[in-house]
Amino acid sequence: MYFLGIDFGTSGARSCVIDAEGTVIAEDQRDFGKLEDYERATIWREALWDLITALPPSVRSQLASIAFDGTSGTVLACDETLTPRHPPLLYNDDRAIDEAKLIASLAPPGHPAAAVTSGLAKVMWLKKWLGHTGARIYLNQADWLSGLMTEQVGFSDYHNALKMGLDLDTLVWPAWVDHLADASYLPKPVAPGSRLGTVSRPRARYLGINSDCRVQAGTTDSIAAFLAAGVTQSGDAVTSLGSTLVLKLLSDTRVESTEYGVYSHWFGTRWLAGGASNAGGAVLRQFFDDPTLVALSEKIDPVIASPLDYLPLPRPGERFPINDPELAPRLVPRPNDDTAFLHGLLESLGRIEAHGYGLLAELGATPLRQVKTAGGGAQNPAWTSIRQRLLKVPVTHATHTEAAYGAALLARDGELCFNSTLR
């Protein structure tokens, strides 16, 4: 039997099929290209069907289970058929300023739902825009993808539910969330990896999938990348270097701070502490294509610190380690030498990463021991050396770097991925 993980990121979707031993059987990807807001849900759905039907029939017929990961804080307002009633609000959408202020007045101090980009803030904004009868349920991206497969409305894993206001002590929607958003419009929180059901029979026939294929509750894209990296010891961390910069540290201590954009995810008896910066590879792609990045990186001496001090944000607004929706990018002065310019960008991104892990330690998380790297940036040796110099701990390339592989492990192992009993 085989196990399918599908990762939906900012710029595309990836699939990964593994066997019972964790060997990769098949991988594929679809790029979204430049999307208009109204196109997103349609393109996501088409990419999902396309990735599954592109698998060999012999694989599809032997799929035992499927799990999804999606971008954390991306929210869809849906009717009973899971048809969106408004374009999805993406993870970095920061329009819900008034809603975030109201949440902060009622939420426990430090809760990530109080951030302007939180799932709960987006739910409240959408309800105000659509009216109370405008949508039946509000879902995170991974919730919606799972629902398309089972044709059942309304479950969310603890990881995606956190930014919608989940209480990590009780693992249910607290009274203050019910007061703000009416919990009857929210999905039921369940453990990541738990069984949601089987692929619906019409969907199984359409896609050529084994009719007994299970759908497991998913996770966020950064936690799927963490699972893929195989980290098991407290103090070990995974940095995902994709369009954005995401830090996850396995900690014995739960830490949270709305002020700095820090939050902790449920991870069995331990916690995944971290945060997500808006800085990352998206900024590099504003200036360089992939071949140019490779060629220029080979000319950088990573032992020498760049004197350039940038704030490499794609647009105004930052989430972590500085939480400021109006923080402006700083990408000048730009030297005439493109190698020096890229060196400055990579160095500045490395400083953000070092600042982030240092902040986690200051807040009480388990001290950093080592960092494994996932995402496209993991392929850049110069960047790795710069980061190791700044972090002062070993930085290595994870054996498996794709979130889709982590989602496949979640499909295979379910809740056992977290190696502990539920809290």
Protein backbone atom coordinates (compact mmCIF):
# COMPACT_ATOMS: atom_id res chain seq x y z
CA MET A 1 0.00 0.00 0.00
CA TYR A 2 1.04 3.59 -0.61
CA PHE A 3 0.62 6.89 1.25
CA LEU A 4 0.08 10.26 -0.42
CA GLY A 5 1.05 13.66 0.94
CA ILE A 6 0.12 16.86 -0.87
CA ASP A 7 1.62 20.23 0.02
CA PHE A 8 -0.06 23.47 -1.00
CA GLY A 9 2.32 26.41 -0.77
CA THR A 10 2.33 30.01 -1.91
CA SER A 11 3.45 29.44 -5.48
CA GLY A 12 2.48 25.85 -6.21
CA ALA A 13 1.50 22.39 -5.02
CA ARG A 14 3.58 19.23 -4.65
CA SER A 15 2.70 15.59 -4.21
CA CYS A 16 4.74 12.78 -2.71
CA VAL A 17 3.88 9.09 -2.51
CA ILE A 18 5.79 6.82 -0.12
CA ASP A 19 5.59 3.15 0.76
CA ALA A 20 5.46 1.62 4.24
CA GLU A 21 9.26 1.99 4.62
CA GLY A 22 9.19 5.69 3.72
CA THR A 23 10.74 5.21 0.28
CA VAL A 24 9.57 7.80 -2.23
CA ILE A 25 7.56 6.12 -4.99
CA ALA A 26 6.43 9.16 -6.93
CA GLU A 27 6.73 12.96 -6.79
CA ASP A 28 5.14 15.71 -8.85
CA GLN A 29 4.39 19.41 -8.71
CA ARG A 30 2.20 22.09 -10.24
CA ASP A 31 3.08 25.78 -10.35
CA PHE A 32 0.21 28.23 -9.93
CA GLY A 33 1.79 31.10 -11.79
CA LYS A 34 0.48 34.59 -11.16
CA LEU A 35 -3.07 34.31 -9.84
CA GLU A 36 -5.85 36.84 -9.50
CA ASP A 37 -7.67 36.60 -6.20
CA TYR A 38 -10.88 35.27 -7.75
CA GLU A 39 -8.96 32.44 -9.49
CA ARG A 40 -7.21 30.95 -6.46
CA ALA A 41 -9.73 28.40 -5.23
CA THR A 42 -10.44 27.16 -8.77
CA ILE A 43 -6.73 26.76 -9.55
CA TRP A 44 -6.11 25.02 -6.20
CA ARG A 45 -8.92 22.55 -6.88
CA GLU A 46 -7.68 21.87 -10.42
CA ALA A 47 -4.11 21.35 -9.14
CA LEU A 48 -5.40 18.86 -6.56
CA TRP A 49 -7.27 16.77 -9.13
CA ASP A 50 -4.39 17.02 -11.58
CA LEU A 51 -1.74 15.86 -9.10
CA ILE A 52 -3.80 12.82 -8.14
CA THR A 53 -4.86 11.76 -11.63
CA ALA A 54 -1.27 12.16 -12.85
CA LEU A 55 -0.21 9.30 -10.55
CA PRO A 56 0.15 5.92 -12.27
CA PRO A 57 -3.09 3.88 -12.03
CA SER A 58 -1.20 1.15 -10.14
CA VAL A 59 -0.33 3.70 -7.44
CA ARG A 60 -3.75 5.34 -7.24
CA SER A 61 -5.46 1.98 -6.82
CA GLN A 62 -3.21 1.12 -3.86
CA LEU A 63 -3.41 4.39 -1.93
CA ALA A 64 -4.11 3.62 1.73
CA SER A 65 -4.34 7.18 3.01
CA ILE A 66 -3.90 10.85 2.09
CA ALA A 67 -2.93 13.90 4.15
CA PHE A 68 -2.64 17.57 3.19
CA ASP A 69 -0.70 20.53 4.42
CA GLY A 70 -1.48 24.13 3.57
CA THR A 71 -0.31 27.64 4.32
CA SER A 72 -1.08 28.59 7.91
CA GLY A 73 -3.71 31.30 8.26
CA THR A 74 -5.12 31.04 4.73
CA VAL A 75 -8.92 31.08 5.15
CA LEU A 76 -11.86 30.25 2.89
CA ALA A 77 -15.52 31.14 3.52
CA CYS A 78 -17.59 28.26 2.10
CA ASP A 79 -21.15 27.11 1.63
CA GLU A 80 -22.42 23.58 2.36
CA THR A 81 -20.82 22.26 -0.85
CA LEU A 82 -17.41 23.74 0.04
CA THR A 83 -17.78 26.35 -2.70
CA PRO A 84 -16.01 29.56 -1.61
CA ARG A 85 -18.24 32.60 -1.27
CA HIS A 86 -15.30 35.02 -1.34
CA PRO A 87 -11.75 34.79 -2.70
CA PRO A 88 -9.48 33.08 -0.14
CA LEU A 89 -7.66 35.40 2.25
CA LEU A 90 -4.01 34.38 2.14
CA TYR A 91 -1.69 33.78 5.08
CA ASN A 92 -0.19 37.29 4.87
CA ASP A 93 -3.42 39.22 4.29
CA ASP A 94 -3.41 42.04 6.84
CA ARG A 95 -6.67 43.88 6.18
CA ALA A 96 -8.36 42.74 9.45
CA ILE A 97 -6.80 45.44 11.61
CA ASP A 98 -9.94 46.32 13.59
CA GLU A 99 -10.78 42.66 14.09
CA ALA A 100 -7.32 41.92 15.47
CA LYS A 101 -7.67 44.72 18.00
CA LEU A 102 -10.98 43.29 19.20
CA ILE A 103 -9.47 39.82 19.49
CA ALA A 104 -6.55 41.19 21.50
CA SER A 105 -9.00 42.68 24.00
CA LEU A 106 -10.50 39.26 24.77
CA ALA A 107 -7.85 36.64 23.98
CA PRO A 108 -5.28 35.41 26.51
CA PRO A 109 -2.03 37.42 26.34
CA GLY A 110 0.26 36.19 23.58
CA HIS A 111 -2.35 34.15 21.69
CA PRO A 112 -1.50 34.11 17.95
CA ALA A 113 -5.15 34.66 17.05
CA ALA A 114 -4.64 38.29 18.07
CA ALA A 115 -2.33 38.93 15.11
CA VAL A 116 -3.69 40.98 12.22
CA THR A 117 -2.94 38.05 9.84
CA SER A 118 -4.54 35.38 12.05
CA GLY A 119 -7.19 32.98 10.84
CA LEU A 120 -9.69 34.29 13.38
CA ALA A 121 -9.18 37.90 12.31
CA LYS A 122 -9.86 36.83 8.72
CA VAL A 123 -12.98 34.88 9.75
CA MET A 124 -14.35 37.96 11.50
CA TRP A 125 -13.54 40.22 8.54
CA LEU A 126 -15.21 37.79 6.11
CA LYS A 127 -18.31 37.50 8.29
CA LYS A 128 -18.60 41.28 8.42
CA TRP A 129 -18.15 41.51 4.63
CA LEU A 130 -20.46 38.61 3.70
CA GLY A 131 -23.01 38.95 6.48
CA HIS A 132 -23.97 36.23 8.96
CA THR A 133 -25.66 34.10 6.28
CA GLY A 134 -22.98 34.63 3.64
CA ALA A 135 -21.12 31.40 4.40
CA ARG A 136 -21.84 28.16 6.22
CA ILE A 137 -18.31 27.41 7.41
CA TYR A 138 -14.87 29.01 7.53
CA LEU A 139 -11.97 26.69 6.76
CA ASN A 140 -8.20 26.76 6.61
CA GLN A 141 -6.65 25.76 3.29
CA ALA A 142 -5.74 22.21 4.42
CA ASP A 143 -9.22 21.75 5.94
CA TRP A 144 -10.81 22.69 2.63
CA LEU A 145 -8.62 20.31 0.62
CA SER A 146 -9.44 17.42 2.96
CA GLY A 147 -13.14 18.29 2.69
CA LEU A 148 -12.99 18.16 -1.10
CA MET A 149 -11.81 14.56 -0.81
CA THR A 150 -14.29 13.32 1.81
CA GLU A 151 -17.13 15.68 0.80
CA GLN A 152 -17.67 16.22 4.52
CA VAL A 153 -17.85 19.72 5.99
CA GLY A 154 -15.90 20.73 8.71
CA PHE A 155 -12.78 19.51 10.48
CA SER A 156 -9.52 21.30 11.27
CA ASP A 157 -6.30 19.96 12.77
CA TYR A 158 -4.94 21.55 15.96
CA HIS A 159 -2.06 23.15 14.05
CA ASN A 160 -4.18 25.04 11.53
CA ALA A 161 -6.84 25.77 14.15
CA LEU A 162 -4.37 27.57 16.44
CA LYS A 163 -4.57 30.88 14.57
CA MET A 164 -8.37 30.58 14.56
CA GLY A 165 -8.24 30.74 18.35
CA LEU A 166 -7.89 27.14 19.52
CA ASP A 167 -7.26 26.77 23.27
CA LEU A 168 -4.12 24.62 23.52
CA ASP A 169 -4.95 23.57 27.08
CA THR A 170 -8.40 22.16 26.30
CA LEU A 171 -8.02 21.71 22.52
CA VAL A 172 -11.48 23.16 21.87
CA TRP A 173 -12.83 26.55 20.79
CA PRO A 174 -12.88 28.74 23.92
CA ALA A 175 -15.81 30.92 24.97
CA TRP A 176 -14.14 34.12 23.73
CA VAL A 177 -13.84 32.67 20.20
CA ASP A 178 -17.49 31.61 20.28
CA HIS A 179 -18.40 35.15 21.36
CA LEU A 180 -16.38 36.76 18.55
CA ALA A 181 -17.06 34.41 15.65
CA ASP A 182 -19.75 31.87 16.69
CA ALA A 183 -18.05 28.47 16.87
CA SER A 184 -20.89 26.86 14.89
CA TYR A 185 -19.32 28.48 11.82
CA LEU A 186 -15.90 26.97 12.59
CA PRO A 187 -14.58 23.46 11.88
CA LYS A 188 -14.31 20.86 14.63
CA PRO A 189 -10.73 20.72 16.00
CA VAL A 190 -9.10 17.27 15.78
CA ALA A 191 -5.59 15.92 16.26
CA PRO A 192 -3.27 16.18 13.23
CA GLY A 193 -3.07 12.77 11.60
CA SER A 194 -6.39 11.56 12.99
CA ARG A 195 -8.77 9.84 10.59
CA LEU A 196 -11.37 12.13 9.03
CA GLY A 197 -13.03 9.47 6.90
CA THR A 198 -12.53 7.86 3.54
CA VAL A 199 -12.49 9.42 0.10
CA SER A 200 -16.11 9.75 -1.00
CA ARG A 201 -17.21 7.12 -3.49
CA PRO A 202 -17.99 9.62 -6.27
CA ARG A 203 -14.59 11.25 -5.74
CA ALA A 204 -12.81 7.88 -5.66
CA ARG A 205 -14.40 6.84 -8.94
CA TYR A 206 -13.59 10.17 -10.58
CA LEU A 207 -9.95 10.09 -9.49
CA GLY A 208 -9.37 6.34 -9.83
CA ILE A 209 -8.50 5.96 -6.14
CA ASN A 210 -8.90 2.91 -3.96
CA SER A 211 -12.40 3.33 -2.46
CA ASP A 212 -11.11 2.48 1.03
CA CYS A 213 -8.46 5.24 0.97
CA ARG A 214 -8.47 7.20 4.23
CA VAL A 215 -8.12 10.95 4.58
CA GLN A 216 -6.09 11.95 7.65
CA ALA A 217 -6.28 15.36 9.32
CA GLY A 218 -3.49 17.53 7.97
CA THR A 219 -1.17 20.23 9.23
CA THR A 220 0.50 23.49 8.20
CA ASP A 221 3.15 23.62 5.48
CA SER A 222 5.96 24.49 7.90
CA ILE A 223 5.08 21.68 10.32
CA ALA A 224 4.94 19.24 7.41
CA ALA A 225 8.47 20.37 6.48
CA PHE A 226 9.47 19.84 10.12
CA LEU A 227 8.11 16.28 10.04
CA ALA A 228 9.95 15.62 6.78
CA ALA A 229 13.26 16.65 8.34
CA GLY A 230 13.05 13.89 10.96
CA VAL A 231 13.90 16.07 13.96
CA THR A 232 13.32 14.33 17.32
CA GLN A 233 15.39 16.05 20.06
CA SER A 234 14.42 19.14 22.01
CA GLY A 235 16.57 22.07 20.89
CA ASP A 236 16.67 20.88 17.29
CA ALA A 237 15.06 23.18 14.75
CA VAL A 238 13.99 23.32 11.14
CA THR A 239 14.18 26.50 9.08
CA SER A 240 12.05 26.46 5.94
CA LEU A 241 13.60 28.69 3.29
CA GLY A 242 10.82 29.13 0.78
CA SER A 243 8.97 32.24 -0.33
CA THR A 244 8.98 33.15 3.34
CA LEU A 245 11.28 32.32 6.24
CA VAL A 246 9.70 29.97 8.81
CA LEU A 247 11.37 28.83 12.04
CA LYS A 248 10.27 25.80 14.09
CA LEU A 249 12.08 24.74 17.27
CA LEU A 250 11.23 21.56 19.19
CA SER A 251 10.93 22.80 22.76
CA ASP A 252 10.07 21.38 26.16
CA THR A 253 8.53 24.75 27.00
CA ARG A 254 5.58 26.51 25.39
CA VAL A 255 6.32 30.14 24.50
CA GLU A 256 4.01 32.76 23.03
CA SER A 257 4.18 36.47 22.34
CA THR A 258 1.82 38.44 20.13
CA GLU A 259 4.21 41.37 20.42
CA TYR A 260 6.92 39.45 18.54
CA GLY A 261 4.80 37.08 16.44
CA VAL A 262 5.90 34.03 18.44
CA TYR A 263 3.61 31.07 19.05
CA SER A 264 3.84 27.38 19.95
CA HIS A 265 2.05 24.49 18.25
CA TRP A 266 0.84 21.33 19.93
CA PHE A 267 3.37 18.54 19.40
CA GLY A 268 2.24 15.75 21.71
CA THR A 269 4.00 16.22 25.05
CA ARG A 270 6.28 18.92 23.65
CA TRP A 271 5.88 22.10 21.62
CA LEU A 272 6.91 23.52 18.29
CA ALA A 273 7.90 27.09 19.06
CA GLY A 274 8.55 29.54 16.29
CA GLY A 275 7.28 32.13 13.91
CA ALA A 276 7.08 33.10 10.27
CA SER A 277 8.75 36.10 8.68
CA ASN A 278 7.46 37.69 5.49
CA ALA A 279 11.07 37.92 4.33
CA GLY A 280 12.46 35.06 2.28
CA GLY A 281 13.01 33.71 -1.19
CA ALA A 282 10.22 35.81 -2.69
CA VAL A 283 12.44 38.87 -2.28
CA LEU A 284 15.39 37.16 -3.98
CA ARG A 285 13.18 36.31 -6.96
CA GLN A 286 12.28 39.97 -7.36
CA PHE A 287 15.86 40.55 -8.50
CA PHE A 288 17.31 37.25 -9.74
CA ASP A 289 16.17 34.15 -11.61
CA ASP A 290 17.32 30.70 -10.46
CA PRO A 291 20.38 30.35 -12.77
CA THR A 292 21.59 33.81 -11.76
CA LEU A 293 21.14 33.03 -8.06
CA VAL A 294 23.28 29.91 -8.48
CA ALA A 295 25.99 31.68 -10.45
CA LEU A 296 26.24 34.69 -8.12
CA SER A 297 26.14 32.55 -4.96
CA GLU A 298 29.21 30.65 -6.12
CA LYS A 299 31.14 33.96 -6.11
CA ILE A 300 30.25 34.84 -2.50
CA ASP A 301 32.77 34.29 0.27
CA PRO A 302 30.46 33.32 3.17
CA VAL A 303 33.23 33.69 5.77
CA ILE A 304 33.25 37.47 5.27
CA ALA A 305 30.27 39.34 6.70
CA SER A 306 28.49 41.69 4.32
CA PRO A 307 28.41 45.32 5.49
CA LEU A 308 25.00 45.82 3.82
CA ASP A 309 22.04 45.90 6.18
CA TYR A 310 18.74 45.25 4.42
CA LEU A 311 15.21 44.48 5.53
CA PRO A 312 14.29 42.15 2.65
CA LEU A 313 10.49 42.25 2.73
CA PRO A 314 8.46 41.85 -0.49
CA ARG A 315 6.09 44.63 0.64
CA PRO A 316 5.35 46.59 3.83
CA GLY A 317 4.48 44.42 6.82
CA GLU A 318 6.33 41.91 8.98
CA ARG A 319 5.12 39.13 11.31
CA PHE A 320 8.23 37.78 13.08
CA PRO A 321 10.62 38.41 14.80
CA ILE A 322 9.22 41.94 14.56
CA ASN A 323 5.43 42.05 14.42
CA ASP A 324 4.60 45.27 12.60
CA PRO A 325 2.04 45.36 9.74
CA GLU A 326 3.46 48.68 8.56
CA LEU A 327 7.18 47.87 8.66
CA ALA A 328 8.68 49.06 5.37
CA PRO A 329 11.18 47.08 3.27
CA ARG A 330 14.75 48.38 3.13
CA LEU A 331 16.60 47.32 -0.02
CA VAL A 332 19.01 50.21 -0.53
CA PRO A 333 21.73 51.09 -1.15
CA ARG A 334 22.13 48.64 -4.01
CA PRO A 335 25.74 48.26 -5.11
CA ASN A 336 26.65 48.01 -8.78
CA ASP A 337 28.06 44.54 -8.13
CA ASP A 338 25.19 42.01 -8.15
CA THR A 339 27.27 39.52 -6.17
CA ALA A 340 27.68 42.04 -3.36
CA PHE A 341 23.97 42.84 -3.51
CA LEU A 342 22.98 39.16 -3.23
CA HIS A 343 25.53 38.69 -0.43
CA GLY A 344 23.85 41.52 1.47
CA LEU A 345 20.39 40.02 0.96
CA LEU A 346 21.45 36.55 2.13
CA GLU A 347 23.31 38.01 5.12
CA SER A 348 20.26 40.09 6.09
CA LEU A 349 17.97 37.06 5.85
CA GLY A 350 20.44 35.17 8.02
CA ARG A 351 20.31 37.93 10.63
CA ILE A 352 16.51 37.68 10.73
CA GLU A 353 16.82 33.93 11.33
CA ALA A 354 19.41 34.40 14.09
CA HIS A 355 17.28 37.12 15.68
CA GLY A 356 14.30 34.76 15.62
CA TYR A 357 16.02 31.84 17.35
CA GLY A 358 17.62 34.20 19.84
CA LEU A 359 14.21 35.64 20.66
CA LEU A 360 12.76 32.16 21.25
CA ALA A 361 15.53 31.45 23.76
CA GLU A 362 14.90 34.78 25.52
CA LEU A 363 11.22 33.88 25.88
CA GLY A 364 12.11 30.56 27.53
CA ALA A 365 12.20 27.98 24.74
CA THR A 366 14.72 25.13 24.82
CA PRO A 367 18.10 26.51 23.64
CA LEU A 368 19.01 25.89 20.01
CA ARG A 369 21.26 22.84 19.37
CA GLN A 370 21.22 22.48 15.59
CA VAL A 371 19.24 23.58 12.55
CA LYS A 372 18.12 21.48 9.61
CA THR A 373 17.10 23.32 6.48
CA ALA A 374 14.14 22.65 4.21
CA GLY A 375 12.74 24.47 1.19
CA GLY A 376 14.36 25.77 -1.97
CA GLY A 377 16.96 27.83 -0.09
CA ALA A 378 18.39 24.65 1.41
CA GLN A 379 20.14 24.07 -1.93
CA ASN A 380 22.35 27.17 -1.57
CA PRO A 381 25.74 26.30 0.07
CA ALA A 382 26.82 29.94 0.45
CA TRP A 383 23.61 30.81 2.28
CA THR A 384 24.03 27.74 4.52
CA SER A 385 27.56 28.84 5.48
CA ILE A 386 26.43 32.40 6.20
CA ARG A 387 23.61 31.12 8.41
CA GLN A 388 25.91 28.77 10.33
CA ARG A 389 28.31 31.64 11.02
CA LEU A 390 25.47 33.76 12.39
CA LEU A 391 23.63 31.01 14.31
CA LYS A 392 26.79 29.47 15.83
CA VAL A 393 25.31 25.95 15.73
CA PRO A 394 25.54 23.20 13.08
CA VAL A 395 23.34 23.90 10.04
CA THR A 396 22.68 20.95 7.76
CA HIS A 397 20.51 20.07 4.80
CA ALA A 398 17.57 17.88 5.85
CA THR A 399 17.50 14.46 4.17
CA HIS A 400 13.96 15.15 3.08
CA THR A 401 13.27 18.83 2.48
CA GLU A 402 9.80 18.88 0.98
CA ALA A 403 6.68 19.46 3.04
CA ALA A 404 4.87 16.96 0.78
CA TYR A 405 7.10 14.21 2.21
CA GLY A 406 6.13 15.25 5.73
CA ALA A 407 2.46 15.16 4.74
CA ALA A 408 3.02 11.65 3.35
CA LEU A 409 4.50 10.60 6.72
CA LEU A 410 1.41 12.02 8.39
CA ALA A 411 -0.75 9.97 6.02
CA ARG A 412 1.24 6.85 6.90
CA ASP A 413 1.72 7.30 10.66
CA GLY A 414 -1.17 9.51 11.72
CA GLU A 415 -0.89 10.79 15.29
CA LEU A 416 2.18 8.60 15.86
CA CYS A 417 4.15 11.26 13.98
CA PHE A 418 4.20 13.19 17.23
CA ASN A 419 5.58 10.26 19.23
CA SER A 420 3.47 10.90 22.30
CA THR A 421 0.01 10.57 23.75
CA LEU A 422 -2.42 13.44 23.29
CA ARG A 423 -2.33 16.19 25.83
